[in-house]
Amino acid sequence: MRGLSALSAELDRKIAELSDEIRRYPTPIARCDEQLTGLIERRSALLAERERAAERATAPGCTPENIWNNDGGFNAA
């Protein structure tokens, strides 16, 4: 769990930095501005990664796929 909290803290820090950079982005913003779009896309990816990490932290035990792999999968006796 400790690694998960460190990951979450690091993601939160990066999200806060990007949000601050987006907030301070100079105006007016052109419709074709690729830099701002890139910042928003990076922040969206980090938010999705944080959500996936939170889901993994609350998931009970192994997933069915992991249980199948641990039971030998195709190589089971």
PDB file of N, CA and C in Angstrom:
ATOM      1  N   MET A   1       0.807  -1.203   0.000  1.00  0.00           N
ATOM      2  CA  MET A   1       0.000   0.000   0.000  1.00  0.00           C
ATOM      3  C   MET A   1       0.849   1.266   0.000  1.00  0.00           C
ATOM      4  N   ARG A   2       2.037   1.154   0.595  1.00  0.00           N
ATOM      5  CA  ARG A   2       2.876   2.339   0.673  1.00  0.00           C
ATOM      6  C   ARG A   2       3.256   2.848  -0.708  1.00  0.00           C
ATOM      7  N   GLY A   3       3.568   1.920  -1.630  1.00  0.00           N
ATOM      8  CA  GLY A   3       3.899   2.311  -2.986  1.00  0.00           C
ATOM      9  C   GLY A   3       2.736   2.981  -3.688  1.00  0.00           C
ATOM     10  N   LEU A   4       1.530   2.510  -3.377  1.00  0.00           N
ATOM     11  CA  LEU A   4       0.339   3.097  -3.981  1.00  0.00           C
ATOM     12  C   LEU A   4       0.123   4.525  -3.495  1.00  0.00           C
ATOM     13  N   SER A   5       0.361   4.779  -2.221  1.00  0.00           N
ATOM     14  CA  SER A   5       0.184   6.138  -1.703  1.00  0.00           C
ATOM     15  C   SER A   5       1.260   7.056  -2.267  1.00  0.00           C
ATOM     16  N   ALA A   6       2.472   6.537  -2.488  1.00  0.00           N
ATOM     17  CA  ALA A   6       3.527   7.341  -3.100  1.00  0.00           C
ATOM     18  C   ALA A   6       3.173   7.660  -4.548  1.00  0.00           C
ATOM     19  N   LEU A   7       2.640   6.666  -5.248  1.00  0.00           N
ATOM     20  CA  LEU A   7       2.209   6.885  -6.628  1.00  0.00           C
ATOM     21  C   LEU A   7       1.097   7.921  -6.672  1.00  0.00           C
ATOM     22  N   SER A   8       0.134   7.794  -5.789  1.00  0.00           N
ATOM     23  CA  SER A   8      -0.978   8.733  -5.743  1.00  0.00           C
ATOM     24  C   SER A   8      -0.489  10.148  -5.445  1.00  0.00           C
ATOM     25  N   ALA A   9       0.442  10.272  -4.510  1.00  0.00           N
ATOM     26  CA  ALA A   9       0.984  11.590  -4.172  1.00  0.00           C
ATOM     27  C   ALA A   9       1.724  12.198  -5.355  1.00  0.00           C
ATOM     28  N   GLU A  10       2.493  11.374  -6.070  1.00  0.00           N
ATOM     29  CA  GLU A  10       3.223  11.858  -7.235  1.00  0.00           C
ATOM     30  C   GLU A  10       2.260  12.278  -8.348  1.00  0.00           C
ATOM     31  N   LEU A  11       1.219  11.485  -8.578  1.00  0.00           N
ATOM     32  CA  LEU A  11       0.215  11.850  -9.586  1.00  0.00           C
ATOM     33  C   LEU A  11      -0.495  13.133  -9.194  1.00  0.00           C
ATOM     34  N   ASP A  12      -0.854  13.268  -7.927  1.00  0.00           N
ATOM     35  CA  ASP A  12      -1.509  14.493  -7.457  1.00  0.00           C
ATOM     36  C   ASP A  12      -0.618  15.714  -7.668  1.00  0.00           C
ATOM     37  N   ARG A  13       0.682  15.543  -7.397  1.00  0.00           N
ATOM     38  CA  ARG A  13       1.622  16.653  -7.569  1.00  0.00           C
ATOM     39  C   ARG A  13       1.703  17.064  -9.045  1.00  0.00           C
ATOM     40  N   LYS A  14       1.807  16.076  -9.938  1.00  0.00           N
ATOM     41  CA  LYS A  14       1.890  16.379 -11.369  1.00  0.00           C
ATOM     42  C   LYS A  14       0.594  17.008 -11.882  1.00  0.00           C
ATOM     43  N   ILE A  15      -0.539  16.505 -11.408  1.00  0.00           N
ATOM     44  CA  ILE A  15      -1.829  17.063 -11.816  1.00  0.00           C
ATOM     45  C   ILE A  15      -1.949  18.508 -11.357  1.00  0.00           C
ATOM     46  N   ALA A  16      -1.516  18.786 -10.127  1.00  0.00           N
ATOM     47  CA  ALA A  16      -1.570  20.155  -9.601  1.00  0.00           C
ATOM     48  C   ALA A  16      -0.674  21.083 -10.422  1.00  0.00           C
ATOM     49  N   GLU A  17       0.527  20.610 -10.791  1.00  0.00           N
ATOM     50  CA  GLU A  17       1.427  21.424 -11.607  1.00  0.00           C
ATOM     51  C   GLU A  17       0.812  21.742 -12.970  1.00  0.00           C
ATOM     52  N   LEU A  18       0.255  20.718 -13.614  1.00  0.00           N
ATOM     53  CA  LEU A  18      -0.363  20.950 -14.923  1.00  0.00           C
ATOM     54  C   LEU A  18      -1.583  21.850 -14.810  1.00  0.00           C
ATOM     55  N   SER A  19      -2.381  21.660 -13.782  1.00  0.00           N
ATOM     56  CA  SER A  19      -3.566  22.505 -13.584  1.00  0.00           C
ATOM     57  C   SER A  19      -3.155  23.957 -13.385  1.00  0.00           C
ATOM     58  N   ASP A  20      -2.087  24.178 -12.628  1.00  0.00           N
ATOM     59  CA  ASP A  20      -1.596  25.533 -12.413  1.00  0.00           C
ATOM     60  C   ASP A  20      -1.077  26.135 -13.711  1.00  0.00           C
ATOM     61  N   GLU A  21      -0.367  25.328 -14.494  1.00  0.00           N
ATOM     62  CA  GLU A  21       0.139  25.815 -15.776  1.00  0.00           C
ATOM     63  C   GLU A  21      -1.008  26.156 -16.726  1.00  0.00           C
ATOM     64  N   ILE A  22      -2.041  25.332 -16.721  1.00  0.00           N
ATOM     65  CA  ILE A  22      -3.214  25.606 -17.565  1.00  0.00           C
ATOM     66  C   ILE A  22      -3.911  26.881 -17.092  1.00  0.00           C
ATOM     67  N   ARG A  23      -4.037  27.021 -15.778  1.00  0.00           N
ATOM     68  CA  ARG A  23      -4.691  28.199 -15.201  1.00  0.00           C
ATOM     69  C   ARG A  23      -3.959  29.482 -15.571  1.00  0.00           C
ATOM     70  N   ARG A  24      -2.614  29.423 -15.634  1.00  0.00           N
ATOM     71  CA  ARG A  24      -1.813  30.613 -15.927  1.00  0.00           C
ATOM     72  C   ARG A  24      -1.523  30.776 -17.415  1.00  0.00           C
ATOM     73  N   TYR A  25      -2.094  29.940 -18.254  1.00  0.00           N
ATOM     74  CA  TYR A  25      -1.821  29.996 -19.685  1.00  0.00           C
ATOM     75  C   TYR A  25      -2.237  31.352 -20.223  1.00  0.00           C
ATOM     76  N   PRO A  26      -1.367  31.984 -21.018  1.00  0.00           N
ATOM     77  CA  PRO A  26      -1.677  33.343 -21.509  1.00  0.00           C
ATOM     78  C   PRO A  26      -2.887  33.364 -22.443  1.00  0.00           C
ATOM     79  N   THR A  27      -3.636  34.401 -22.303  1.00  0.00           N
ATOM     80  CA  THR A  27      -4.805  34.606 -23.168  1.00  0.00           C
ATOM     81  C   THR A  27      -4.486  35.728 -24.138  1.00  0.00           C
ATOM     82  N   PRO A  28      -5.186  35.888 -25.209  1.00  0.00           N
ATOM     83  CA  PRO A  28      -6.251  35.040 -25.731  1.00  0.00           C
ATOM     84  C   PRO A  28      -5.675  33.733 -26.276  1.00  0.00           C
ATOM     85  N   ILE A  29      -6.490  32.712 -26.267  1.00  0.00           N
ATOM     86  CA  ILE A  29      -6.075  31.391 -26.706  1.00  0.00           C
ATOM     87  C   ILE A  29      -6.658  31.133 -28.090  1.00  0.00           C
ATOM     88  N   ALA A  30      -5.771  30.843 -29.032  1.00  0.00           N
ATOM     89  CA  ALA A  30      -6.212  30.547 -30.395  1.00  0.00           C
ATOM     90  C   ALA A  30      -6.846  29.164 -30.447  1.00  0.00           C
ATOM     91  N   ARG A  31      -7.796  29.003 -31.322  1.00  0.00           N
ATOM     92  CA  ARG A  31      -8.484  27.720 -31.464  1.00  0.00           C
ATOM     93  C   ARG A  31      -7.512  26.602 -31.859  1.00  0.00           C
ATOM     94  N   CYS A  32      -6.473  26.948 -32.580  1.00  0.00           N
ATOM     95  CA  CYS A  32      -5.524  25.946 -33.061  1.00  0.00           C
ATOM     96  C   CYS A  32      -4.322  25.788 -32.124  1.00  0.00           C
ATOM     97  N   ASP A  33      -4.406  26.292 -30.906  1.00  0.00           N
ATOM     98  CA  ASP A  33      -3.296  26.235 -29.954  1.00  0.00           C
ATOM     99  C   ASP A  33      -3.015  24.791 -29.548  1.00  0.00           C
ATOM    100  N   GLU A  34      -1.895  24.246 -30.021  1.00  0.00           N
ATOM    101  CA  GLU A  34      -1.557  22.850 -29.738  1.00  0.00           C
ATOM    102  C   GLU A  34      -0.908  22.680 -28.370  1.00  0.00           C
ATOM    103  N   GLN A  35      -0.229  23.695 -27.875  1.00  0.00           N
ATOM    104  CA  GLN A  35       0.432  23.580 -26.575  1.00  0.00           C
ATOM    105  C   GLN A  35      -0.583  23.423 -25.444  1.00  0.00           C
ATOM    106  N   LEU A  36      -1.621  24.237 -25.449  1.00  0.00           N
ATOM    107  CA  LEU A  36      -2.647  24.139 -24.414  1.00  0.00           C
ATOM    108  C   LEU A  36      -3.376  22.802 -24.516  1.00  0.00           C
ATOM    109  N   THR A  37      -3.678  22.397 -25.743  1.00  0.00           N
ATOM    110  CA  THR A  37      -4.330  21.105 -25.946  1.00  0.00           C
ATOM    111  C   THR A  37      -3.467  19.981 -25.391  1.00  0.00           C
ATOM    112  N   GLY A  38      -2.166  20.053 -25.618  1.00  0.00           N
ATOM    113  CA  GLY A  38      -1.248  19.049 -25.101  1.00  0.00           C
ATOM    114  C   GLY A  38      -1.239  19.016 -23.579  1.00  0.00           C
ATOM    115  N   LEU A  39      -1.260  20.179 -22.940  1.00  0.00           N
ATOM    116  CA  LEU A  39      -1.297  20.243 -21.478  1.00  0.00           C
ATOM    117  C   LEU A  39      -2.573  19.599 -20.933  1.00  0.00           C
ATOM    118  N   ILE A  40      -3.687  19.913 -21.568  1.00  0.00           N
ATOM    119  CA  ILE A  40      -4.970  19.366 -21.124  1.00  0.00           C
ATOM    120  C   ILE A  40      -5.002  17.853 -21.320  1.00  0.00           C
ATOM    121  N   GLU A  41      -4.467  17.368 -22.432  1.00  0.00           N
ATOM    122  CA  GLU A  41      -4.433  15.926 -22.679  1.00  0.00           C
ATOM    123  C   GLU A  41      -3.537  15.207 -21.672  1.00  0.00           C
ATOM    124  N   ARG A  42      -2.379  15.795 -21.344  1.00  0.00           N
ATOM    125  CA  ARG A  42      -1.501  15.192 -20.333  1.00  0.00           C
ATOM    126  C   ARG A  42      -2.179  15.130 -18.976  1.00  0.00           C
ATOM    127  N   ARG A  43      -2.886  16.214 -18.613  1.00  0.00           N
ATOM    128  CA  ARG A  43      -3.591  16.218 -17.335  1.00  0.00           C
ATOM    129  C   ARG A  43      -4.704  15.176 -17.333  1.00  0.00           C
ATOM    130  N   SER A  44      -5.418  15.038 -18.430  1.00  0.00           N
ATOM    131  CA  SER A  44      -6.483  14.027 -18.520  1.00  0.00           C
ATOM    132  C   SER A  44      -5.920  12.622 -18.371  1.00  0.00           C
ATOM    133  N   ALA A  45      -4.762  12.376 -18.980  1.00  0.00           N
ATOM    134  CA  ALA A  45      -4.127  11.057 -18.868  1.00  0.00           C
ATOM    135  C   ALA A  45      -3.716  10.780 -17.423  1.00  0.00           C
ATOM    136  N   LEU A  46      -3.186  11.782 -16.740  1.00  0.00           N
ATOM    137  CA  LEU A  46      -2.796  11.606 -15.338  1.00  0.00           C
ATOM    138  C   LEU A  46      -4.016  11.379 -14.448  1.00  0.00           C
ATOM    139  N   LEU A  47      -5.102  12.086 -14.719  1.00  0.00           N
ATOM    140  CA  LEU A  47      -6.334  11.882 -13.949  1.00  0.00           C
ATOM    141  C   LEU A  47      -6.862  10.459 -14.136  1.00  0.00           C
ATOM    142  N   ALA A  48      -6.798   9.957 -15.372  1.00  0.00           N
ATOM    143  CA  ALA A  48      -7.245   8.588 -15.640  1.00  0.00           C
ATOM    144  C   ALA A  48      -6.329   7.579 -14.947  1.00  0.00           C
ATOM    145  N   GLU A  49      -5.040   7.847 -14.950  1.00  0.00           N
ATOM    146  CA  GLU A  49      -4.095   6.949 -14.280  1.00  0.00           C
ATOM    147  C   GLU A  49      -4.337   6.933 -12.769  1.00  0.00           C
ATOM    148  N   ARG A  50      -4.636   8.108 -12.205  1.00  0.00           N
ATOM    149  CA  ARG A  50      -4.936   8.177 -10.772  1.00  0.00           C
ATOM    150  C   ARG A  50      -6.203   7.396 -10.455  1.00  0.00           C
ATOM    151  N   GLU A  51      -7.185   7.471 -11.323  1.00  0.00           N
ATOM    152  CA  GLU A  51      -8.433   6.728 -11.130  1.00  0.00           C
ATOM    153  C   GLU A  51      -8.184   5.219 -11.185  1.00  0.00           C
ATOM    154  N   ARG A  52      -7.371   4.787 -12.160  1.00  0.00           N
ATOM    155  CA  ARG A  52      -7.040   3.356 -12.253  1.00  0.00           C
ATOM    156  C   ARG A  52      -6.283   2.883 -11.021  1.00  0.00           C
ATOM    157  N   ALA A  53      -5.373   3.701 -10.511  1.00  0.00           N
ATOM    158  CA  ALA A  53      -4.619   3.342  -9.311  1.00  0.00           C
ATOM    159  C   ALA A  53      -5.549   3.223  -8.107  1.00  0.00           C
ATOM    160  N   ALA A  54      -6.525   4.111  -8.017  1.00  0.00           N
ATOM    161  CA  ALA A  54      -7.485   4.049  -6.909  1.00  0.00           C
ATOM    162  C   ALA A  54      -8.343   2.796  -7.017  1.00  0.00           C
ATOM    163  N   GLU A  55      -8.716   2.425  -8.229  1.00  0.00           N
ATOM    164  CA  GLU A  55      -9.505   1.202  -8.422  1.00  0.00           C
ATOM    165  C   GLU A  55      -8.701  -0.029  -8.039  1.00  0.00           C
ATOM    166  N   ARG A  56      -7.409  -0.052  -8.404  1.00  0.00           N
ATOM    167  CA  ARG A  56      -6.557  -1.179  -8.035  1.00  0.00           C
ATOM    168  C   ARG A  56      -6.406  -1.283  -6.521  1.00  0.00           C
ATOM    169  N   ALA A  57      -6.359  -0.143  -5.863  1.00  0.00           N
ATOM    170  CA  ALA A  57      -6.171  -0.133  -4.408  1.00  0.00           C
ATOM    171  C   ALA A  57      -7.390  -0.680  -3.685  1.00  0.00           C
ATOM    172  N   THR A  58      -8.569  -0.503  -4.266  1.00  0.00           N
ATOM    173  CA  THR A  58      -9.795  -0.940  -3.603  1.00  0.00           C
ATOM    174  C   THR A  58     -10.313  -2.272  -4.124  1.00  0.00           C
ATOM    175  N   ALA A  59      -9.654  -2.815  -5.171  1.00  0.00           N
ATOM    176  CA  ALA A  59     -10.102  -4.084  -5.749  1.00  0.00           C
ATOM    177  C   ALA A  59      -9.841  -5.220  -4.756  1.00  0.00           C
ATOM    178  N   PRO A  60     -10.839  -6.049  -4.503  1.00  0.00           N
ATOM    179  CA  PRO A  60     -10.645  -7.147  -3.555  1.00  0.00           C
ATOM    180  C   PRO A  60      -9.878  -8.307  -4.189  1.00  0.00           C
ATOM    181  N   GLY A  61      -8.682  -8.577  -3.716  1.00  0.00           N
ATOM    182  CA  GLY A  61      -7.915  -9.742  -4.141  1.00  0.00           C
ATOM    183  C   GLY A  61      -7.538  -9.746  -5.599  1.00  0.00           C
ATOM    184  N   CYS A  62      -7.291 -10.912  -6.111  1.00  0.00           N
ATOM    185  CA  CYS A  62      -6.883 -11.094  -7.501  1.00  0.00           C
ATOM    186  C   CYS A  62      -8.074 -10.950  -8.442  1.00  0.00           C
ATOM    187  N   THR A  63      -7.765 -10.505  -9.641  1.00  0.00           N
ATOM    188  CA  THR A  63      -8.786 -10.471 -10.674  1.00  0.00           C
ATOM    189  C   THR A  63      -8.981 -11.886 -11.196  1.00  0.00           C
ATOM    190  N   PRO A  64     -10.106 -12.183 -11.837  1.00  0.00           N
ATOM    191  CA  PRO A  64     -10.304 -13.533 -12.391  1.00  0.00           C
ATOM    192  C   PRO A  64      -9.178 -13.951 -13.332  1.00  0.00           C
ATOM    193  N   GLU A  65      -8.645 -13.009 -14.109  1.00  0.00           N
ATOM    194  CA  GLU A  65      -7.556 -13.327 -15.018  1.00  0.00           C
ATOM    195  C   GLU A  65      -6.307 -13.745 -14.242  1.00  0.00           C
ATOM    196  N   ASN A  66      -5.991 -13.040 -13.166  1.00  0.00           N
ATOM    197  CA  ASN A  66      -4.819 -13.391 -12.373  1.00  0.00           C
ATOM    198  C   ASN A  66      -5.005 -14.734 -11.686  1.00  0.00           C
ATOM    199  N   ILE A  67      -6.189 -15.016 -11.214  1.00  0.00           N
ATOM    200  CA  ILE A  67      -6.440 -16.308 -10.584  1.00  0.00           C
ATOM    201  C   ILE A  67      -6.235 -17.412 -11.606  1.00  0.00           C
ATOM    202  N   TRP A  68      -6.734 -17.221 -12.827  1.00  0.00           N
ATOM    203  CA  TRP A  68      -6.581 -18.205 -13.892  1.00  0.00           C
ATOM    204  C   TRP A  68      -5.101 -18.418 -14.184  1.00  0.00           C
ATOM    205  N   ASN A  69      -4.327 -17.330 -14.266  1.00  0.00           N
ATOM    206  CA  ASN A  69      -2.884 -17.446 -14.521  1.00  0.00           C
ATOM    207  C   ASN A  69      -2.193 -18.179 -13.384  1.00  0.00           C
ATOM    208  N   ASN A  70      -2.572 -17.883 -12.151  1.00  0.00           N
ATOM    209  CA  ASN A  70      -1.950 -18.525 -11.000  1.00  0.00           C
ATOM    210  C   ASN A  70      -2.310 -20.005 -10.909  1.00  0.00           C
ATOM    211  N   ASP A  71      -3.423 -20.396 -11.490  1.00  0.00           N
ATOM    212  CA  ASP A  71      -3.825 -21.802 -11.487  1.00  0.00           C
ATOM    213  C   ASP A  71      -3.166 -22.585 -12.606  1.00  0.00           C
ATOM    214  N   GLY A  72      -2.356 -21.949 -13.395  1.00  0.00           N
ATOM    215  CA  GLY A  72      -1.641 -22.658 -14.454  1.00  0.00           C
ATOM    216  C   GLY A  72      -2.113 -22.341 -15.851  1.00  0.00           C
ATOM    217  N   GLY A  73      -3.285 -21.740 -15.978  1.00  0.00           N
ATOM    218  CA  GLY A  73      -3.779 -21.407 -17.304  1.00  0.00           C
ATOM    219  C   GLY A  73      -3.802 -22.597 -18.233  1.00  0.00           C
ATOM    220  N   PHE A  74      -3.273 -22.457 -19.434  1.00  0.00           N
ATOM    221  CA  PHE A  74      -3.236 -23.549 -20.401  1.00  0.00           C
ATOM    222  C   PHE A  74      -2.274 -24.652 -19.993  1.00  0.00           C
ATOM    223  N   ASN A  75      -1.333 -24.328 -19.113  1.00  0.00           N
ATOM    224  CA  ASN A  75      -0.306 -25.288 -18.726  1.00  0.00           C
ATOM    225  C   ASN A  75      -0.663 -26.075 -17.466  1.00  0.00           C
ATOM    226  N   ALA A  76      -1.898 -26.013 -17.044  1.00  0.00           N
ATOM    227  CA  ALA A  76      -2.317 -26.729 -15.824  1.00  0.00           C
ATOM    228  C   ALA A  76      -2.219 -28.226 -16.060  1.00  0.00           C
ATOM    229  N   ALA A  77      -1.899 -28.925 -14.998  1.00  0.00           N
ATOM    230  CA  ALA A  77      -1.746 -30.385 -15.107  1.00  0.00           C
ATOM    231  C   ALA A  77      -3.084 -31.063 -15.187  1.00  0.00           C
TER     232      ALA A  77
END
